[in-house]
Amino acid sequence: MLYEEKGYHHNFSTSRTPQQNGVVERKNWSLQEITRTMLNEYDTPKYFLAEVVNTCCYILNRVTLRLELKRTPFEL
């Protein structure tokens, strides 16, 4: 690969950071729960799953408040 030829090492995620992993796990769990709720509530067909996840992510990023900062994730 080009990275290896130039002496670079590509990292796909941060290693050994359980604090960040916990935040991401909670965010993914929330995203899954909201997606499941939207699909069941409106009897949406399964082939709209990607669009529903995209919509839920959009909503979470603009609605959820960070209590200590009084801002949404989008504003950060």
PDB file of N, CA and C in Angstrom:
ATOM      1  N   MET A   1       0.830  -1.180   0.000  1.00  0.00           N
ATOM      2  CA  MET A   1       0.000   0.000   0.000  1.00  0.00           C
ATOM      3  C   MET A   1       0.880   1.251   0.000  1.00  0.00           C
ATOM      4  N   LEU A   2       0.291   2.331  -0.372  1.00  0.00           N
ATOM      5  CA  LEU A   2       1.017   3.596  -0.432  1.00  0.00           C
ATOM      6  C   LEU A   2       1.450   4.047   0.959  1.00  0.00           C
ATOM      7  N   TYR A   3       0.595   3.787   1.962  1.00  0.00           N
ATOM      8  CA  TYR A   3       0.938   4.158   3.334  1.00  0.00           C
ATOM      9  C   TYR A   3       2.216   3.469   3.778  1.00  0.00           C
ATOM     10  N   GLU A   4       2.287   2.184   3.533  1.00  0.00           N
ATOM     11  CA  GLU A   4       3.437   1.406   3.982  1.00  0.00           C
ATOM     12  C   GLU A   4       4.699   1.795   3.240  1.00  0.00           C
ATOM     13  N   GLU A   5       4.586   2.116   1.954  1.00  0.00           N
ATOM     14  CA  GLU A   5       5.749   2.533   1.177  1.00  0.00           C
ATOM     15  C   GLU A   5       6.335   3.837   1.709  1.00  0.00           C
ATOM     16  N   LYS A   6       5.497   4.739   2.158  1.00  0.00           N
ATOM     17  CA  LYS A   6       5.948   6.035   2.673  1.00  0.00           C
ATOM     18  C   LYS A   6       6.287   5.990   4.155  1.00  0.00           C
ATOM     19  N   GLY A   7       6.033   4.848   4.819  1.00  0.00           N
ATOM     20  CA  GLY A   7       6.376   4.715   6.229  1.00  0.00           C
ATOM     21  C   GLY A   7       5.273   5.156   7.179  1.00  0.00           C
ATOM     22  N   TYR A   8       4.057   5.331   6.687  1.00  0.00           N
ATOM     23  CA  TYR A   8       2.936   5.723   7.533  1.00  0.00           C
ATOM     24  C   TYR A   8       2.174   4.493   7.984  1.00  0.00           C
ATOM     25  N   HIS A   9       1.553   4.599   9.147  1.00  0.00           N
ATOM     26  CA  HIS A   9       0.698   3.531   9.652  1.00  0.00           C
ATOM     27  C   HIS A   9      -0.691   4.107   9.856  1.00  0.00           C
ATOM     28  N   HIS A  10      -1.676   3.493   9.206  1.00  0.00           N
ATOM     29  CA  HIS A  10      -3.051   4.002   9.277  1.00  0.00           C
ATOM     30  C   HIS A  10      -3.791   3.343  10.429  1.00  0.00           C
ATOM     31  N   ASN A  11      -4.286   4.138  11.389  1.00  0.00           N
ATOM     32  CA  ASN A  11      -5.081   3.632  12.510  1.00  0.00           C
ATOM     33  C   ASN A  11      -6.552   3.863  12.214  1.00  0.00           C
ATOM     34  N   PHE A  12      -7.353   2.828  12.427  1.00  0.00           N
ATOM     35  CA  PHE A  12      -8.782   2.947  12.162  1.00  0.00           C
ATOM     36  C   PHE A  12      -9.559   3.414  13.378  1.00  0.00           C
ATOM     37  N   SER A  13      -9.016   3.236  14.569  1.00  0.00           N
ATOM     38  CA  SER A  13      -9.687   3.698  15.778  1.00  0.00           C
ATOM     39  C   SER A  13      -8.641   3.979  16.846  1.00  0.00           C
ATOM     40  N   THR A  14      -9.054   4.687  17.856  1.00  0.00           N
ATOM     41  CA  THR A  14      -8.160   5.005  18.954  1.00  0.00           C
ATOM     42  C   THR A  14      -7.992   3.763  19.817  1.00  0.00           C
ATOM     43  N   SER A  15      -6.772   3.460  20.162  1.00  0.00           N
ATOM     44  CA  SER A  15      -6.537   2.252  20.954  1.00  0.00           C
ATOM     45  C   SER A  15      -6.605   2.559  22.443  1.00  0.00           C
ATOM     46  N   ARG A  16      -7.120   1.606  23.189  1.00  0.00           N
ATOM     47  CA  ARG A  16      -7.144   1.636  24.650  1.00  0.00           C
ATOM     48  C   ARG A  16      -7.780   2.895  25.241  1.00  0.00           C
ATOM     49  N   THR A  17      -8.954   3.251  24.774  1.00  0.00           N
ATOM     50  CA  THR A  17      -9.662   4.391  25.351  1.00  0.00           C
ATOM     51  C   THR A  17     -11.074   3.952  25.729  1.00  0.00           C
ATOM     52  N   PRO A  18     -11.242   3.317  26.886  1.00  0.00           N
ATOM     53  CA  PRO A  18     -12.574   2.824  27.266  1.00  0.00           C
ATOM     54  C   PRO A  18     -13.589   3.935  27.481  1.00  0.00           C
ATOM     55  N   GLN A  19     -13.153   5.139  27.827  1.00  0.00           N
ATOM     56  CA  GLN A  19     -14.099   6.229  28.023  1.00  0.00           C
ATOM     57  C   GLN A  19     -14.793   6.565  26.708  1.00  0.00           C
ATOM     58  N   GLN A  20     -14.024   6.672  25.646  1.00  0.00           N
ATOM     59  CA  GLN A  20     -14.619   6.989  24.351  1.00  0.00           C
ATOM     60  C   GLN A  20     -15.470   5.829  23.848  1.00  0.00           C
ATOM     61  N   ASN A  21     -15.031   4.607  24.101  1.00  0.00           N
ATOM     62  CA  ASN A  21     -15.807   3.452  23.674  1.00  0.00           C
ATOM     63  C   ASN A  21     -17.159   3.416  24.370  1.00  0.00           C
ATOM     64  N   GLY A  22     -17.225   3.797  25.633  1.00  0.00           N
ATOM     65  CA  GLY A  22     -18.493   3.825  26.362  1.00  0.00           C
ATOM     66  C   GLY A  22     -19.452   4.842  25.781  1.00  0.00           C
ATOM     67  N   VAL A  23     -18.933   6.008  25.415  1.00  0.00           N
ATOM     68  CA  VAL A  23     -19.766   7.054  24.817  1.00  0.00           C
ATOM     69  C   VAL A  23     -20.323   6.566  23.479  1.00  0.00           C
ATOM     70  N   VAL A  24     -19.477   5.960  22.686  1.00  0.00           N
ATOM     71  CA  VAL A  24     -19.905   5.462  21.380  1.00  0.00           C
ATOM     72  C   VAL A  24     -20.918   4.334  21.531  1.00  0.00           C
ATOM     73  N   GLU A  25     -20.699   3.452  22.496  1.00  0.00           N
ATOM     74  CA  GLU A  25     -21.649   2.362  22.721  1.00  0.00           C
ATOM     75  C   GLU A  25     -23.023   2.899  23.110  1.00  0.00           C
ATOM     76  N   ARG A  26     -23.069   3.910  23.975  1.00  0.00           N
ATOM     77  CA  ARG A  26     -24.352   4.494  24.369  1.00  0.00           C
ATOM     78  C   ARG A  26     -25.021   5.186  23.185  1.00  0.00           C
ATOM     79  N   LYS A  27     -24.239   5.868  22.367  1.00  0.00           N
ATOM     80  CA  LYS A  27     -24.791   6.544  21.187  1.00  0.00           C
ATOM     81  C   LYS A  27     -25.367   5.520  20.207  1.00  0.00           C
ATOM     82  N   ASN A  28     -24.626   4.428  19.974  1.00  0.00           N
ATOM     83  CA  ASN A  28     -25.122   3.389  19.069  1.00  0.00           C
ATOM     84  C   ASN A  28     -26.368   2.716  19.619  1.00  0.00           C
ATOM     85  N   TRP A  29     -26.402   2.483  20.921  1.00  0.00           N
ATOM     86  CA  TRP A  29     -27.573   1.869  21.541  1.00  0.00           C
ATOM     87  C   TRP A  29     -28.790   2.776  21.373  1.00  0.00           C
ATOM     88  N   SER A  30     -28.609   4.073  21.618  1.00  0.00           N
ATOM     89  CA  SER A  30     -29.713   5.030  21.446  1.00  0.00           C
ATOM     90  C   SER A  30     -30.191   5.051  20.001  1.00  0.00           C
ATOM     91  N   LEU A  31     -29.248   5.029  19.078  1.00  0.00           N
ATOM     92  CA  LEU A  31     -29.587   5.056  17.659  1.00  0.00           C
ATOM     93  C   LEU A  31     -30.381   3.812  17.267  1.00  0.00           C
ATOM     94  N   GLN A  32     -29.979   2.662  17.765  1.00  0.00           N
ATOM     95  CA  GLN A  32     -30.705   1.427  17.474  1.00  0.00           C
ATOM     96  C   GLN A  32     -32.112   1.443  18.062  1.00  0.00           C
ATOM     97  N   GLU A  33     -32.239   1.924  19.291  1.00  0.00           N
ATOM     98  CA  GLU A  33     -33.553   1.960  19.939  1.00  0.00           C
ATOM     99  C   GLU A  33     -34.511   2.905  19.220  1.00  0.00           C
ATOM    100  N   ILE A  34     -34.035   4.067  18.848  1.00  0.00           N
ATOM    101  CA  ILE A  34     -34.895   5.034  18.153  1.00  0.00           C
ATOM    102  C   ILE A  34     -35.280   4.497  16.773  1.00  0.00           C
ATOM    103  N   THR A  35     -34.330   3.870  16.093  1.00  0.00           N
ATOM    104  CA  THR A  35     -34.612   3.296  14.779  1.00  0.00           C
ATOM    105  C   THR A  35     -35.671   2.204  14.884  1.00  0.00           C
ATOM    106  N   ARG A  36     -35.494   1.311  15.848  1.00  0.00           N
ATOM    107  CA  ARG A  36     -36.460   0.226  16.048  1.00  0.00           C
ATOM    108  C   ARG A  36     -37.848   0.778  16.361  1.00  0.00           C
ATOM    109  N   THR A  37     -37.881   1.820  17.183  1.00  0.00           N
ATOM    110  CA  THR A  37     -39.159   2.434  17.551  1.00  0.00           C
ATOM    111  C   THR A  37     -39.843   3.055  16.341  1.00  0.00           C
ATOM    112  N   MET A  38     -39.078   3.777  15.537  1.00  0.00           N
ATOM    113  CA  MET A  38     -39.670   4.403  14.348  1.00  0.00           C
ATOM    114  C   MET A  38     -40.181   3.360  13.368  1.00  0.00           C
ATOM    115  N   LEU A  39     -39.421   2.293  13.163  1.00  0.00           N
ATOM    116  CA  LEU A  39     -39.856   1.250  12.235  1.00  0.00           C
ATOM    117  C   LEU A  39     -41.139   0.582  12.714  1.00  0.00           C
ATOM    118  N   ASN A  40     -41.225   0.305  14.010  1.00  0.00           N
ATOM    119  CA  ASN A  40     -42.414  -0.363  14.547  1.00  0.00           C
ATOM    120  C   ASN A  40     -43.614   0.567  14.645  1.00  0.00           C
ATOM    121  N   GLU A  41     -43.389   1.801  15.052  1.00  0.00           N
ATOM    122  CA  GLU A  41     -44.496   2.737  15.260  1.00  0.00           C
ATOM    123  C   GLU A  41     -45.234   3.049  13.962  1.00  0.00           C
ATOM    124  N   TYR A  42     -44.486   3.228  12.892  1.00  0.00           N
ATOM    125  CA  TYR A  42     -45.089   3.644  11.632  1.00  0.00           C
ATOM    126  C   TYR A  42     -45.214   2.498  10.623  1.00  0.00           C
ATOM    127  N   ASP A  43     -44.968   1.252  11.070  1.00  0.00           N
ATOM    128  CA  ASP A  43     -45.047   0.072  10.195  1.00  0.00           C
ATOM    129  C   ASP A  43     -44.269   0.280   8.906  1.00  0.00           C
ATOM    130  N   THR A  44     -43.061   0.782   9.044  1.00  0.00           N
ATOM    131  CA  THR A  44     -42.202   1.055   7.899  1.00  0.00           C
ATOM    132  C   THR A  44     -41.572  -0.245   7.396  1.00  0.00           C
ATOM    133  N   PRO A  45     -41.537  -0.469   6.089  1.00  0.00           N
ATOM    134  CA  PRO A  45     -40.888  -1.674   5.559  1.00  0.00           C
ATOM    135  C   PRO A  45     -39.387  -1.689   5.875  1.00  0.00           C
ATOM    136  N   LYS A  46     -38.826  -2.884   5.964  1.00  0.00           N
ATOM    137  CA  LYS A  46     -37.421  -3.051   6.340  1.00  0.00           C
ATOM    138  C   LYS A  46     -36.450  -2.439   5.333  1.00  0.00           C
ATOM    139  N   TYR A  47     -36.856  -2.315   4.077  1.00  0.00           N
ATOM    140  CA  TYR A  47     -35.921  -1.768   3.090  1.00  0.00           C
ATOM    141  C   TYR A  47     -35.691  -0.268   3.276  1.00  0.00           C
ATOM    142  N   PHE A  48     -36.414   0.376   4.184  1.00  0.00           N
ATOM    143  CA  PHE A  48     -36.169   1.774   4.523  1.00  0.00           C
ATOM    144  C   PHE A  48     -35.244   1.911   5.731  1.00  0.00           C
ATOM    145  N   LEU A  49     -34.633   0.821   6.165  1.00  0.00           N
ATOM    146  CA  LEU A  49     -33.808   0.835   7.369  1.00  0.00           C
ATOM    147  C   LEU A  49     -32.693   1.884   7.297  1.00  0.00           C
ATOM    148  N   ALA A  50     -31.967   1.946   6.200  1.00  0.00           N
ATOM    149  CA  ALA A  50     -30.865   2.899   6.078  1.00  0.00           C
ATOM    150  C   ALA A  50     -31.360   4.338   6.183  1.00  0.00           C
ATOM    151  N   GLU A  51     -32.487   4.622   5.564  1.00  0.00           N
ATOM    152  CA  GLU A  51     -33.034   5.979   5.611  1.00  0.00           C
ATOM    153  C   GLU A  51     -33.517   6.329   7.011  1.00  0.00           C
ATOM    154  N   VAL A  52     -34.090   5.369   7.713  1.00  0.00           N
ATOM    155  CA  VAL A  52     -34.560   5.608   9.080  1.00  0.00           C
ATOM    156  C   VAL A  52     -33.370   5.842  10.009  1.00  0.00           C
ATOM    157  N   VAL A  53     -32.293   5.059   9.859  1.00  0.00           N
ATOM    158  CA  VAL A  53     -31.091   5.263  10.677  1.00  0.00           C
ATOM    159  C   VAL A  53     -30.497   6.638  10.407  1.00  0.00           C
ATOM    160  N   ASN A  54     -30.461   7.038   9.146  1.00  0.00           N
ATOM    161  CA  ASN A  54     -29.948   8.356   8.777  1.00  0.00           C
ATOM    162  C   ASN A  54     -30.785   9.459   9.415  1.00  0.00           C
ATOM    163  N   THR A  55     -32.095   9.316   9.384  1.00  0.00           N
ATOM    164  CA  THR A  55     -32.992  10.298   9.993  1.00  0.00           C
ATOM    165  C   THR A  55     -32.807  10.356  11.507  1.00  0.00           C
ATOM    166  N   CYS A  56     -32.691   9.188  12.134  1.00  0.00           N
ATOM    167  CA  CYS A  56     -32.503   9.143  13.588  1.00  0.00           C
ATOM    168  C   CYS A  56     -31.185   9.793  13.996  1.00  0.00           C
ATOM    169  N   CYS A  57     -30.144   9.550  13.237  1.00  0.00           N
ATOM    170  CA  CYS A  57     -28.843  10.172  13.532  1.00  0.00           C
ATOM    171  C   CYS A  57     -28.938  11.691  13.405  1.00  0.00           C
ATOM    172  N   TYR A  58     -29.618  12.147  12.372  1.00  0.00           N
ATOM    173  CA  TYR A  58     -29.822  13.584  12.178  1.00  0.00           C
ATOM    174  C   TYR A  58     -30.558  14.181  13.377  1.00  0.00           C
ATOM    175  N   ILE A  59     -31.612  13.503  13.813  1.00  0.00           N
ATOM    176  CA  ILE A  59     -32.406  13.994  14.943  1.00  0.00           C
ATOM    177  C   ILE A  59     -31.567  14.020  16.216  1.00  0.00           C
ATOM    178  N   LEU A  60     -30.838  12.932  16.490  1.00  0.00           N
ATOM    179  CA  LEU A  60     -30.021  12.873  17.706  1.00  0.00           C
ATOM    180  C   LEU A  60     -28.954  13.967  17.740  1.00  0.00           C
ATOM    181  N   ASN A  61     -28.374  14.272  16.590  1.00  0.00           N
ATOM    182  CA  ASN A  61     -27.319  15.278  16.550  1.00  0.00           C
ATOM    183  C   ASN A  61     -27.840  16.702  16.721  1.00  0.00           C
ATOM    184  N   ARG A  62     -29.110  16.922  16.479  1.00  0.00           N
ATOM    185  CA  ARG A  62     -29.637  18.275  16.567  1.00  0.00           C
ATOM    186  C   ARG A  62     -30.570  18.515  17.746  1.00  0.00           C
ATOM    187  N   VAL A  63     -30.998  17.463  18.414  1.00  0.00           N
ATOM    188  CA  VAL A  63     -31.960  17.616  19.493  1.00  0.00           C
ATOM    189  C   VAL A  63     -31.337  17.377  20.866  1.00  0.00           C
ATOM    190  N   THR A  64     -30.518  16.363  20.989  1.00  0.00           N
ATOM    191  CA  THR A  64     -29.954  15.990  22.280  1.00  0.00           C
ATOM    192  C   THR A  64     -29.064  17.093  22.826  1.00  0.00           C
ATOM    193  N   LEU A  65     -29.312  17.461  24.077  1.00  0.00           N
ATOM    194  CA  LEU A  65     -28.510  18.505  24.708  1.00  0.00           C
ATOM    195  C   LEU A  65     -27.416  17.896  25.565  1.00  0.00           C
ATOM    196  N   ARG A  66     -26.237  18.469  25.500  1.00  0.00           N
ATOM    197  CA  ARG A  66     -25.184  18.108  26.438  1.00  0.00           C
ATOM    198  C   ARG A  66     -25.398  18.992  27.657  1.00  0.00           C
ATOM    199  N   LEU A  67     -25.779  18.397  28.757  1.00  0.00           N
ATOM    200  CA  LEU A  67     -26.192  19.165  29.929  1.00  0.00           C
ATOM    201  C   LEU A  67     -25.094  20.072  30.465  1.00  0.00           C
ATOM    202  N   GLU A  68     -23.859  19.580  30.491  1.00  0.00           N
ATOM    203  CA  GLU A  68     -22.787  20.398  31.059  1.00  0.00           C
ATOM    204  C   GLU A  68     -22.391  21.564  30.151  1.00  0.00           C
ATOM    205  N   LEU A  69     -22.652  21.448  28.845  1.00  0.00           N
ATOM    206  CA  LEU A  69     -22.275  22.508  27.907  1.00  0.00           C
ATOM    207  C   LEU A  69     -23.465  23.323  27.404  1.00  0.00           C
ATOM    208  N   LYS A  70     -24.683  22.822  27.625  1.00  0.00           N
ATOM    209  CA  LYS A  70     -25.910  23.482  27.153  1.00  0.00           C
ATOM    210  C   LYS A  70     -25.916  23.674  25.643  1.00  0.00           C
ATOM    211  N   ARG A  71     -25.368  22.672  24.918  1.00  0.00           N
ATOM    212  CA  ARG A  71     -25.332  22.741  23.455  1.00  0.00           C
ATOM    213  C   ARG A  71     -25.674  21.368  22.874  1.00  0.00           C
ATOM    214  N   THR A  72     -26.135  21.372  21.635  1.00  0.00           N
ATOM    215  CA  THR A  72     -26.373  20.113  20.946  1.00  0.00           C
ATOM    216  C   THR A  72     -25.049  19.636  20.365  1.00  0.00           C
ATOM    217  N   PRO A  73     -24.922  18.347  20.015  1.00  0.00           N
ATOM    218  CA  PRO A  73     -23.698  17.864  19.385  1.00  0.00           C
ATOM    219  C   PRO A  73     -23.387  18.589  18.073  1.00  0.00           C
ATOM    220  N   PHE A  74     -24.413  19.018  17.345  1.00  0.00           N
ATOM    221  CA  PHE A  74     -24.199  19.729  16.093  1.00  0.00           C
ATOM    222  C   PHE A  74     -23.513  21.067  16.342  1.00  0.00           C
ATOM    223  N   GLU A  75     -23.840  21.724  17.458  1.00  0.00           N
ATOM    224  CA  GLU A  75     -23.241  23.029  17.772  1.00  0.00           C
ATOM    225  C   GLU A  75     -21.793  22.914  18.230  1.00  0.00           C
ATOM    226  N   LEU A  76     -21.422  21.729  18.717  1.00  0.00           N
ATOM    227  CA  LEU A  76     -20.050  21.544  19.177  1.00  0.00           C
ATOM    228  C   LEU A  76     -19.146  21.436  17.981  1.00  0.00           C
TER     229      LEU A  76
END
